[in-house]
Amino acid sequence: MNMVEAYVNHGRWVADCPECNVGLQLPRGAYQVKAEFVMIREECVTCSAPTRVVWPDDPDSIDTALKDRPQINRNWYPHETVADLILENVSHVDELTGRNW
């Protein structure tokens, strides 16, 4: 079974199939999210590879840190912390309040 990490791209939770690299959109609320393995499908819709997703410990905090950004800038990757996102928000407050992102 392939294991992949969930991440946020343009405000969408996604994961990439390691076999064919197709991005699979993950609907929030449809899965138990607790840093456990969560089956997104029994197989990739493109290549049929079995795939499981590893979610971050607290995706709600990630969503909250991204919520005021324009959709194109709502991105998070597993190497980033929520503190990193908050620091980015503070560093770009002019862009956020002026909607210049």
PDB file of N, CA and C in Angstrom:
ATOM      1  N   MET A   1       0.844  -1.177   0.000  1.00  0.00           N
ATOM      2  CA  MET A   1       0.000   0.000   0.000  1.00  0.00           C
ATOM      3  C   MET A   1       0.891   1.242   0.000  1.00  0.00           C
ATOM      4  N   ASN A   2       0.661   2.141  -0.938  1.00  0.00           N
ATOM      5  CA  ASN A   2       1.377   3.412  -0.984  1.00  0.00           C
ATOM      6  C   ASN A   2       0.838   4.337   0.093  1.00  0.00           C
ATOM      7  N   MET A   3       1.724   5.076   0.748  1.00  0.00           N
ATOM      8  CA  MET A   3       1.319   6.078   1.728  1.00  0.00           C
ATOM      9  C   MET A   3       1.799   7.442   1.260  1.00  0.00           C
ATOM     10  N   VAL A   4       0.912   8.423   1.298  1.00  0.00           N
ATOM     11  CA  VAL A   4       1.243   9.780   0.879  1.00  0.00           C
ATOM     12  C   VAL A   4       0.728  10.758   1.922  1.00  0.00           C
ATOM     13  N   GLU A   5       1.329  11.952   1.971  1.00  0.00           N
ATOM     14  CA  GLU A   5       0.914  12.966   2.923  1.00  0.00           C
ATOM     15  C   GLU A   5      -0.050  13.949   2.268  1.00  0.00           C
ATOM     16  N   ALA A   6      -1.080  14.307   3.011  1.00  0.00           N
ATOM     17  CA  ALA A   6      -2.015  15.330   2.559  1.00  0.00           C
ATOM     18  C   ALA A   6      -1.323  16.693   2.645  1.00  0.00           C
ATOM     19  N   TYR A   7      -1.671  17.593   1.733  1.00  0.00           N
ATOM     20  CA  TYR A   7      -1.174  18.967   1.766  1.00  0.00           C
ATOM     21  C   TYR A   7      -2.261  19.874   1.196  1.00  0.00           C
ATOM     22  N   VAL A   8      -2.068  21.182   1.338  1.00  0.00           N
ATOM     23  CA  VAL A   8      -3.062  22.144   0.841  1.00  0.00           C
ATOM     24  C   VAL A   8      -2.493  22.860  -0.371  1.00  0.00           C
ATOM     25  N   ASN A   9      -3.273  22.895  -1.442  1.00  0.00           N
ATOM     26  CA  ASN A   9      -2.901  23.585  -2.672  1.00  0.00           C
ATOM     27  C   ASN A   9      -4.084  24.430  -3.098  1.00  0.00           C
ATOM     28  N   HIS A  10      -3.900  25.755  -3.106  1.00  0.00           N
ATOM     29  CA  HIS A  10      -4.948  26.697  -3.495  1.00  0.00           C
ATOM     30  C   HIS A  10      -6.227  26.460  -2.692  1.00  0.00           C
ATOM     31  N   GLY A  11      -6.055  26.166  -1.399  1.00  0.00           N
ATOM     32  CA  GLY A  11      -7.196  25.997  -0.519  1.00  0.00           C
ATOM     33  C   GLY A  11      -7.847  24.626  -0.545  1.00  0.00           C
ATOM     34  N   ARG A  12      -7.296  23.698  -1.321  1.00  0.00           N
ATOM     35  CA  ARG A  12      -7.857  22.350  -1.407  1.00  0.00           C
ATOM     36  C   ARG A  12      -6.914  21.359  -0.743  1.00  0.00           C
ATOM     37  N   TRP A  13      -7.443  20.453   0.051  1.00  0.00           N
ATOM     38  CA  TRP A  13      -6.625  19.366   0.585  1.00  0.00           C
ATOM     39  C   TRP A  13      -6.458  18.334  -0.519  1.00  0.00           C
ATOM     40  N   VAL A  14      -5.202  17.979  -0.807  1.00  0.00           N
ATOM     41  CA  VAL A  14      -4.899  17.034  -1.873  1.00  0.00           C
ATOM     42  C   VAL A  14      -3.790  16.086  -1.435  1.00  0.00           C
ATOM     43  N   ALA A  15      -3.588  15.048  -2.212  1.00  0.00           N
ATOM     44  CA  ALA A  15      -2.467  14.125  -2.055  1.00  0.00           C
ATOM     45  C   ALA A  15      -2.114  13.634  -3.448  1.00  0.00           C
ATOM     46  N   ASP A  16      -0.849  13.338  -3.670  1.00  0.00           N
ATOM     47  CA  ASP A  16      -0.395  12.887  -4.989  1.00  0.00           C
ATOM     48  C   ASP A  16      -0.168  11.391  -4.994  1.00  0.00           C
ATOM     49  N   CYS A  17      -0.703  10.712  -5.988  1.00  0.00           N
ATOM     50  CA  CYS A  17      -0.455   9.288  -6.140  1.00  0.00           C
ATOM     51  C   CYS A  17       1.034   9.093  -6.438  1.00  0.00           C
ATOM     52  N   PRO A  18       1.725   8.246  -5.684  1.00  0.00           N
ATOM     53  CA  PRO A  18       3.154   8.056  -5.917  1.00  0.00           C
ATOM     54  C   PRO A  18       3.468   7.251  -7.182  1.00  0.00           C
ATOM     55  N   GLU A  19       2.481   6.595  -7.721  1.00  0.00           N
ATOM     56  CA  GLU A  19       2.699   5.797  -8.932  1.00  0.00           C
ATOM     57  C   GLU A  19       2.580   6.632 -10.201  1.00  0.00           C
ATOM     58  N   CYS A  20       1.530   7.443 -10.297  1.00  0.00           N
ATOM     59  CA  CYS A  20       1.299   8.202 -11.539  1.00  0.00           C
ATOM     60  C   CYS A  20       1.313   9.713 -11.326  1.00  0.00           C
ATOM     61  N   ASN A  21       1.477  10.156 -10.055  1.00  0.00           N
ATOM     62  CA  ASN A  21       1.583  11.567  -9.698  1.00  0.00           C
ATOM     63  C   ASN A  21       0.301  12.372  -9.938  1.00  0.00           C
ATOM     64  N   VAL A  22      -0.828  11.709 -10.055  1.00  0.00           N
ATOM     65  CA  VAL A  22      -2.095  12.422 -10.184  1.00  0.00           C
ATOM     66  C   VAL A  22      -2.469  12.978  -8.820  1.00  0.00           C
ATOM     67  N   GLY A  23      -2.878  14.236  -8.774  1.00  0.00           N
ATOM     68  CA  GLY A  23      -3.327  14.847  -7.531  1.00  0.00           C
ATOM     69  C   GLY A  23      -4.766  14.461  -7.250  1.00  0.00           C
ATOM     70  N   LEU A  24      -4.995  13.907  -6.078  1.00  0.00           N
ATOM     71  CA  LEU A  24      -6.332  13.488  -5.689  1.00  0.00           C
ATOM     72  C   LEU A  24      -6.881  14.476  -4.665  1.00  0.00           C
ATOM     73  N   GLN A  25      -7.983  15.148  -4.976  1.00  0.00           N
ATOM     74  CA  GLN A  25      -8.569  16.100  -4.041  1.00  0.00           C
ATOM     75  C   GLN A  25      -9.248  15.334  -2.918  1.00  0.00           C
ATOM     76  N   LEU A  26      -9.030  15.799  -1.676  1.00  0.00           N
ATOM     77  CA  LEU A  26      -9.557  15.145  -0.491  1.00  0.00           C
ATOM     78  C   LEU A  26     -10.634  16.016   0.135  1.00  0.00           C
ATOM     79  N   PRO A  27     -11.885  15.599   0.080  1.00  0.00           N
ATOM     80  CA  PRO A  27     -12.922  16.424   0.701  1.00  0.00           C
ATOM     81  C   PRO A  27     -12.792  16.418   2.220  1.00  0.00           C
ATOM     82  N   ARG A  28     -12.756  17.606   2.826  1.00  0.00           N
ATOM     83  CA  ARG A  28     -12.650  17.714   4.283  1.00  0.00           C
ATOM     84  C   ARG A  28     -13.966  17.279   4.912  1.00  0.00           C
ATOM     85  N   GLY A  29     -13.852  16.618   6.028  1.00  0.00           N
ATOM     86  CA  GLY A  29     -15.033  16.174   6.736  1.00  0.00           C
ATOM     87  C   GLY A  29     -15.482  14.783   6.343  1.00  0.00           C
ATOM     88  N   ALA A  30     -14.959  14.282   5.259  1.00  0.00           N
ATOM     89  CA  ALA A  30     -15.351  12.951   4.813  1.00  0.00           C
ATOM     90  C   ALA A  30     -14.509  11.860   5.460  1.00  0.00           C
ATOM     91  N   TYR A  31     -13.456  12.254   6.148  1.00  0.00           N
ATOM     92  CA  TYR A  31     -12.537  11.282   6.723  1.00  0.00           C
ATOM     93  C   TYR A  31     -12.245  11.635   8.172  1.00  0.00           C
ATOM     94  N   GLN A  32     -11.907  10.638   8.958  1.00  0.00           N
ATOM     95  CA  GLN A  32     -11.444  10.903  10.319  1.00  0.00           C
ATOM     96  C   GLN A  32     -10.024  11.427  10.193  1.00  0.00           C
ATOM     97  N   VAL A  33      -9.780  12.603  10.707  1.00  0.00           N
ATOM     98  CA  VAL A  33      -8.495  13.257  10.525  1.00  0.00           C
ATOM     99  C   VAL A  33      -7.785  13.326  11.875  1.00  0.00           C
ATOM    100  N   LYS A  34      -6.812  12.469  12.095  1.00  0.00           N
ATOM    101  CA  LYS A  34      -6.072  12.439  13.352  1.00  0.00           C
ATOM    102  C   LYS A  34      -4.675  11.862  13.121  1.00  0.00           C
ATOM    103  N   ALA A  35      -3.967  12.305  12.124  1.00  0.00           N
ATOM    104  CA  ALA A  35      -2.629  11.805  11.815  1.00  0.00           C
ATOM    105  C   ALA A  35      -2.621  10.287  11.691  1.00  0.00           C
ATOM    106  N   GLU A  36      -3.742   9.740  11.317  1.00  0.00           N
ATOM    107  CA  GLU A  36      -3.845   8.299  11.100  1.00  0.00           C
ATOM    108  C   GLU A  36      -3.890   8.062   9.595  1.00  0.00           C
ATOM    109  N   PHE A  37      -3.733   6.828   9.223  1.00  0.00           N
ATOM    110  CA  PHE A  37      -3.858   6.506   7.806  1.00  0.00           C
ATOM    111  C   PHE A  37      -5.329   6.541   7.435  1.00  0.00           C
ATOM    112  N   VAL A  38      -5.624   7.181   6.333  1.00  0.00           N
ATOM    113  CA  VAL A  38      -7.000   7.296   5.886  1.00  0.00           C
ATOM    114  C   VAL A  38      -7.058   6.894   4.423  1.00  0.00           C
ATOM    115  N   MET A  39      -7.903   5.944   4.105  1.00  0.00           N
ATOM    116  CA  MET A  39      -8.029   5.497   2.726  1.00  0.00           C
ATOM    117  C   MET A  39      -8.772   6.560   1.930  1.00  0.00           C
ATOM    118  N   ILE A  40      -8.156   7.080   0.877  1.00  0.00           N
ATOM    119  CA  ILE A  40      -8.863   8.051   0.050  1.00  0.00           C
ATOM    120  C   ILE A  40      -9.723   7.331  -0.983  1.00  0.00           C
ATOM    121  N   ARG A  41      -9.220   6.281  -1.487  1.00  0.00           N
ATOM    122  CA  ARG A  41      -9.948   5.387  -2.389  1.00  0.00           C
ATOM    123  C   ARG A  41      -9.257   4.039  -2.239  1.00  0.00           C
ATOM    124  N   GLU A  42      -9.904   3.027  -2.653  1.00  0.00           N
ATOM    125  CA  GLU A  42      -9.216   1.747  -2.610  1.00  0.00           C
ATOM    126  C   GLU A  42      -8.096   1.718  -3.642  1.00  0.00           C
ATOM    127  N   GLU A  43      -8.226   2.563  -4.641  1.00  0.00           N
ATOM    128  CA  GLU A  43      -7.176   2.642  -5.656  1.00  0.00           C
ATOM    129  C   GLU A  43      -7.222   4.001  -6.337  1.00  0.00           C
ATOM    130  N   CYS A  44      -6.093   4.391  -6.902  1.00  0.00           N
ATOM    131  CA  CYS A  44      -6.013   5.641  -7.647  1.00  0.00           C
ATOM    132  C   CYS A  44      -6.964   5.574  -8.842  1.00  0.00           C
ATOM    133  N   VAL A  45      -7.659   6.672  -9.108  1.00  0.00           N
ATOM    134  CA  VAL A  45      -8.616   6.676 -10.215  1.00  0.00           C
ATOM    135  C   VAL A  45      -7.936   6.595 -11.573  1.00  0.00           C
ATOM    136  N   THR A  46      -6.649   6.921 -11.636  1.00  0.00           N
ATOM    137  CA  THR A  46      -5.941   6.899 -12.914  1.00  0.00           C
ATOM    138  C   THR A  46      -5.177   5.594 -13.147  1.00  0.00           C
ATOM    139  N   CYS A  47      -4.384   5.175 -12.138  1.00  0.00           N
ATOM    140  CA  CYS A  47      -3.506   4.023 -12.356  1.00  0.00           C
ATOM    141  C   CYS A  47      -3.877   2.795 -11.521  1.00  0.00           C
ATOM    142  N   SER A  48      -4.890   2.902 -10.678  1.00  0.00           N
ATOM    143  CA  SER A  48      -5.380   1.800  -9.838  1.00  0.00           C
ATOM    144  C   SER A  48      -4.444   1.395  -8.707  1.00  0.00           C
ATOM    145  N   ALA A  49      -3.422   2.196  -8.404  1.00  0.00           N
ATOM    146  CA  ALA A  49      -2.506   1.867  -7.302  1.00  0.00           C
ATOM    147  C   ALA A  49      -3.221   2.078  -5.967  1.00  0.00           C
ATOM    148  N   PRO A  50      -3.130   1.121  -5.037  1.00  0.00           N
ATOM    149  CA  PRO A  50      -3.714   1.334  -3.708  1.00  0.00           C
ATOM    150  C   PRO A  50      -2.959   2.456  -2.989  1.00  0.00           C
ATOM    151  N   THR A  51      -3.701   3.369  -2.368  1.00  0.00           N
ATOM    152  CA  THR A  51      -3.081   4.560  -1.785  1.00  0.00           C
ATOM    153  C   THR A  51      -3.753   4.919  -0.461  1.00  0.00           C
ATOM    154  N   ARG A  52      -2.937   5.252   0.539  1.00  0.00           N
ATOM    155  CA  ARG A  52      -3.434   5.749   1.826  1.00  0.00           C
ATOM    156  C   ARG A  52      -2.836   7.117   2.086  1.00  0.00           C
ATOM    157  N   VAL A  53      -3.611   7.973   2.763  1.00  0.00           N
ATOM    158  CA  VAL A  53      -3.179   9.336   3.045  1.00  0.00           C
ATOM    159  C   VAL A  53      -2.869   9.493   4.529  1.00  0.00           C
ATOM    160  N   VAL A  54      -1.758  10.159   4.835  1.00  0.00           N
ATOM    161  CA  VAL A  54      -1.405  10.526   6.198  1.00  0.00           C
ATOM    162  C   VAL A  54      -1.768  12.000   6.365  1.00  0.00           C
ATOM    163  N   TRP A  55      -2.661  12.291   7.322  1.00  0.00           N
ATOM    164  CA  TRP A  55      -3.105  13.651   7.588  1.00  0.00           C
ATOM    165  C   TRP A  55      -2.242  14.269   8.678  1.00  0.00           C
ATOM    166  N   PRO A  56      -2.136  15.602   8.709  1.00  0.00           N
ATOM    167  CA  PRO A  56      -1.424  16.268   9.811  1.00  0.00           C
ATOM    168  C   PRO A  56      -2.228  16.121  11.107  1.00  0.00           C
ATOM    169  N   ASP A  57      -1.580  16.400  12.228  1.00  0.00           N
ATOM    170  CA  ASP A  57      -2.239  16.274  13.530  1.00  0.00           C
ATOM    171  C   ASP A  57      -3.452  17.190  13.679  1.00  0.00           C
ATOM    172  N   ASP A  58      -3.360  18.421  13.168  1.00  0.00           N
ATOM    173  CA  ASP A  58      -4.436  19.383  13.368  1.00  0.00           C
ATOM    174  C   ASP A  58      -4.734  20.173  12.093  1.00  0.00           C
ATOM    175  N   PRO A  59      -5.420  19.565  11.142  1.00  0.00           N
ATOM    176  CA  PRO A  59      -5.711  20.279   9.899  1.00  0.00           C
ATOM    177  C   PRO A  59      -6.608  21.495  10.091  1.00  0.00           C
ATOM    178  N   ASP A  60      -7.409  21.504  11.168  1.00  0.00           N
ATOM    179  CA  ASP A  60      -8.266  22.667  11.413  1.00  0.00           C
ATOM    180  C   ASP A  60      -7.439  23.912  11.688  1.00  0.00           C
ATOM    181  N   SER A  61      -6.331  23.762  12.411  1.00  0.00           N
ATOM    182  CA  SER A  61      -5.446  24.911  12.681  1.00  0.00           C
ATOM    183  C   SER A  61      -4.803  25.409  11.395  1.00  0.00           C
ATOM    184  N   ILE A  62      -4.473  24.505  10.515  1.00  0.00           N
ATOM    185  CA  ILE A  62      -3.892  24.877   9.219  1.00  0.00           C
ATOM    186  C   ILE A  62      -4.927  25.648   8.407  1.00  0.00           C
ATOM    187  N   ASP A  63      -6.151  25.121   8.343  1.00  0.00           N
ATOM    188  CA  ASP A  63      -7.224  25.818   7.620  1.00  0.00           C
ATOM    189  C   ASP A  63      -7.452  27.213   8.186  1.00  0.00           C
ATOM    190  N   THR A  64      -7.436  27.344   9.504  1.00  0.00           N
ATOM    191  CA  THR A  64      -7.649  28.643  10.148  1.00  0.00           C
ATOM    192  C   THR A  64      -6.536  29.620   9.789  1.00  0.00           C
ATOM    193  N   ALA A  65      -5.294  29.145   9.789  1.00  0.00           N
ATOM    194  CA  ALA A  65      -4.162  30.021   9.457  1.00  0.00           C
ATOM    195  C   ALA A  65      -4.209  30.476   7.996  1.00  0.00           C
ATOM    196  N   LEU A  66      -4.840  29.712   7.135  1.00  0.00           N
ATOM    197  CA  LEU A  66      -4.904  30.047   5.708  1.00  0.00           C
ATOM    198  C   LEU A  66      -6.164  30.809   5.304  1.00  0.00           C
ATOM    199  N   LYS A  67      -7.165  30.865   6.168  1.00  0.00           N
ATOM    200  CA  LYS A  67      -8.491  31.322   5.756  1.00  0.00           C
ATOM    201  C   LYS A  67      -8.559  32.760   5.230  1.00  0.00           C
ATOM    202  N   ASP A  68      -7.705  33.654   5.703  1.00  0.00           N
ATOM    203  CA  ASP A  68      -7.778  35.050   5.254  1.00  0.00           C
ATOM    204  C   ASP A  68      -6.960  35.328   4.002  1.00  0.00           C
ATOM    205  N   ARG A  69      -6.278  34.337   3.512  1.00  0.00           N
ATOM    206  CA  ARG A  69      -5.479  34.519   2.294  1.00  0.00           C
ATOM    207  C   ARG A  69      -6.353  34.348   1.057  1.00  0.00           C
ATOM    208  N   PRO A  70      -5.987  35.008  -0.027  1.00  0.00           N
ATOM    209  CA  PRO A  70      -6.665  34.709  -1.290  1.00  0.00           C
ATOM    210  C   PRO A  70      -6.462  33.223  -1.617  1.00  0.00           C
ATOM    211  N   GLN A  71      -7.414  32.632  -2.283  1.00  0.00           N
ATOM    212  CA  GLN A  71      -7.371  31.192  -2.542  1.00  0.00           C
ATOM    213  C   GLN A  71      -6.063  30.747  -3.191  1.00  0.00           C
ATOM    214  N   ILE A  72      -5.531  31.516  -4.105  1.00  0.00           N
ATOM    215  CA  ILE A  72      -4.302  31.127  -4.798  1.00  0.00           C
ATOM    216  C   ILE A  72      -3.110  31.011  -3.838  1.00  0.00           C
ATOM    217  N   ASN A  73      -3.184  31.703  -2.688  1.00  0.00           N
ATOM    218  CA  ASN A  73      -2.097  31.677  -1.714  1.00  0.00           C
ATOM    219  C   ASN A  73      -2.397  30.812  -0.496  1.00  0.00           C
ATOM    220  N   ARG A  74      -3.440  30.025  -0.556  1.00  0.00           N
ATOM    221  CA  ARG A  74      -3.761  29.103   0.542  1.00  0.00           C
ATOM    222  C   ARG A  74      -3.045  27.775   0.283  1.00  0.00           C
ATOM    223  N   ASN A  75      -1.778  27.750   0.662  1.00  0.00           N
ATOM    224  CA  ASN A  75      -0.945  26.570   0.438  1.00  0.00           C
ATOM    225  C   ASN A  75      -0.245  26.181   1.730  1.00  0.00           C
ATOM    226  N   TRP A  76      -0.150  24.896   1.974  1.00  0.00           N
ATOM    227  CA  TRP A  76       0.564  24.358   3.137  1.00  0.00           C
ATOM    228  C   TRP A  76       1.167  23.012   2.737  1.00  0.00           C
ATOM    229  N   TYR A  77       2.401  22.787   3.210  1.00  0.00           N
ATOM    230  CA  TYR A  77       3.084  21.522   2.942  1.00  0.00           C
ATOM    231  C   TYR A  77       3.535  20.917   4.267  1.00  0.00           C
ATOM    232  N   PRO A  78       3.632  19.604   4.353  1.00  0.00           N
ATOM    233  CA  PRO A  78       3.919  18.937   5.626  1.00  0.00           C
ATOM    234  C   PRO A  78       5.171  19.410   6.361  1.00  0.00           C
ATOM    235  N   HIS A  79       6.127  20.001   5.685  1.00  0.00           N
ATOM    236  CA  HIS A  79       7.330  20.485   6.381  1.00  0.00           C
ATOM    237  C   HIS A  79       7.082  21.810   7.104  1.00  0.00           C
ATOM    238  N   GLU A  80       5.923  22.458   6.873  1.00  0.00           N
ATOM    239  CA  GLU A  80       5.616  23.740   7.496  1.00  0.00           C
ATOM    240  C   GLU A  80       4.796  23.543   8.770  1.00  0.00           C
ATOM    241  N   THR A  81       5.025  24.428   9.744  1.00  0.00           N
ATOM    242  CA  THR A  81       4.229  24.409  10.959  1.00  0.00           C
ATOM    243  C   THR A  81       3.143  25.476  10.857  1.00  0.00           C
ATOM    244  N   VAL A  82       2.176  25.404  11.752  1.00  0.00           N
ATOM    245  CA  VAL A  82       1.158  26.451  11.813  1.00  0.00           C
ATOM    246  C   VAL A  82       1.819  27.782  12.153  1.00  0.00           C
ATOM    247  N   ALA A  83       2.834  27.744  13.015  1.00  0.00           N
ATOM    248  CA  ALA A  83       3.574  28.970  13.350  1.00  0.00           C
ATOM    249  C   ALA A  83       4.210  29.581  12.097  1.00  0.00           C
ATOM    250  N   ASP A  84       4.715  28.746  11.193  1.00  0.00           N
ATOM    251  CA  ASP A  84       5.270  29.255   9.930  1.00  0.00           C
ATOM    252  C   ASP A  84       4.197  30.010   9.138  1.00  0.00           C
ATOM    253  N   LEU A  85       3.002  29.440   9.074  1.00  0.00           N
ATOM    254  CA  LEU A  85       1.915  30.072   8.321  1.00  0.00           C
ATOM    255  C   LEU A  85       1.523  31.411   8.946  1.00  0.00           C
ATOM    256  N   ILE A  86       1.450  31.433  10.271  1.00  0.00           N
ATOM    257  CA  ILE A  86       1.092  32.670  10.964  1.00  0.00           C
ATOM    258  C   ILE A  86       2.158  33.743  10.732  1.00  0.00           C
ATOM    259  N   LEU A  87       3.423  33.351  10.781  1.00  0.00           N
ATOM    260  CA  LEU A  87       4.509  34.296  10.512  1.00  0.00           C
ATOM    261  C   LEU A  87       4.415  34.843   9.088  1.00  0.00           C
ATOM    262  N   GLU A  88       4.102  33.999   8.124  1.00  0.00           N
ATOM    263  CA  GLU A  88       3.912  34.465   6.747  1.00  0.00           C
ATOM    264  C   GLU A  88       2.755  35.467   6.685  1.00  0.00           C
ATOM    265  N   ASN A  89       1.672  35.171   7.394  1.00  0.00           N
ATOM    266  CA  ASN A  89       0.521  36.085   7.399  1.00  0.00           C
ATOM    267  C   ASN A  89       0.913  37.454   7.952  1.00  0.00           C
ATOM    268  N   VAL A  90       1.685  37.462   9.050  1.00  0.00           N
ATOM    269  CA  VAL A  90       2.124  38.723   9.660  1.00  0.00           C
ATOM    270  C   VAL A  90       3.080  39.451   8.722  1.00  0.00           C
ATOM    271  N   SER A  91       3.968  38.711   8.079  1.00  0.00           N
ATOM    272  CA  SER A  91       4.939  39.316   7.163  1.00  0.00           C
ATOM    273  C   SER A  91       4.276  39.927   5.942  1.00  0.00           C
ATOM    274  N   HIS A  92       3.082  39.457   5.600  1.00  0.00           N
ATOM    275  CA  HIS A  92       2.385  39.921   4.392  1.00  0.00           C
ATOM    276  C   HIS A  92       1.052  40.581   4.729  1.00  0.00           C
ATOM    277  N   VAL A  93       0.963  41.182   5.921  1.00  0.00           N
ATOM    278  CA  VAL A  93      -0.314  41.773   6.346  1.00  0.00           C
ATOM    279  C   VAL A  93      -0.805  42.846   5.384  1.00  0.00           C
ATOM    280  N   ASP A  94       0.086  43.638   4.797  1.00  0.00           N
ATOM    281  CA  ASP A  94      -0.343  44.666   3.850  1.00  0.00           C
ATOM    282  C   ASP A  94      -1.007  44.047   2.635  1.00  0.00           C
ATOM    283  N   GLU A  95      -0.438  42.976   2.153  1.00  0.00           N
ATOM    284  CA  GLU A  95      -1.018  42.301   1.000  1.00  0.00           C
ATOM    285  C   GLU A  95      -2.368  41.673   1.364  1.00  0.00           C
ATOM    286  N   LEU A  96      -2.456  41.119   2.584  1.00  0.00           N
ATOM    287  CA  LEU A  96      -3.694  40.490   3.013  1.00  0.00           C
ATOM    288  C   LEU A  96      -4.822  41.512   3.160  1.00  0.00           C
ATOM    289  N   THR A  97      -4.516  42.624   3.804  1.00  0.00           N
ATOM    290  CA  THR A  97      -5.560  43.615   4.041  1.00  0.00           C
ATOM    291  C   THR A  97      -5.902  44.389   2.774  1.00  0.00           C
ATOM    292  N   GLY A  98      -4.940  44.522   1.876  1.00  0.00           N
ATOM    293  CA  GLY A  98      -5.184  45.219   0.622  1.00  0.00           C
ATOM    294  C   GLY A  98      -5.606  44.299  -0.511  1.00  0.00           C
ATOM    295  N   ARG A  99      -5.650  43.010  -0.214  1.00  0.00           N
ATOM    296  CA  ARG A  99      -6.018  42.002  -1.219  1.00  0.00           C
ATOM    297  C   ARG A  99      -5.130  42.094  -2.458  1.00  0.00           C
ATOM    298  N   ASN A 100      -3.823  42.342  -2.215  1.00  0.00           N
ATOM    299  CA  ASN A 100      -2.876  42.443  -3.330  1.00  0.00           C
ATOM    300  C   ASN A 100      -2.107  41.155  -3.566  1.00  0.00           C
ATOM    301  N   TRP A 101      -2.448  40.087  -2.853  1.00  0.00           N
ATOM    302  CA  TRP A 101      -1.716  38.824  -3.049  1.00  0.00           C
ATOM    303  C   TRP A 101      -2.014  38.264  -4.400  1.00  0.00           C
TER     304      TRP A 101
END
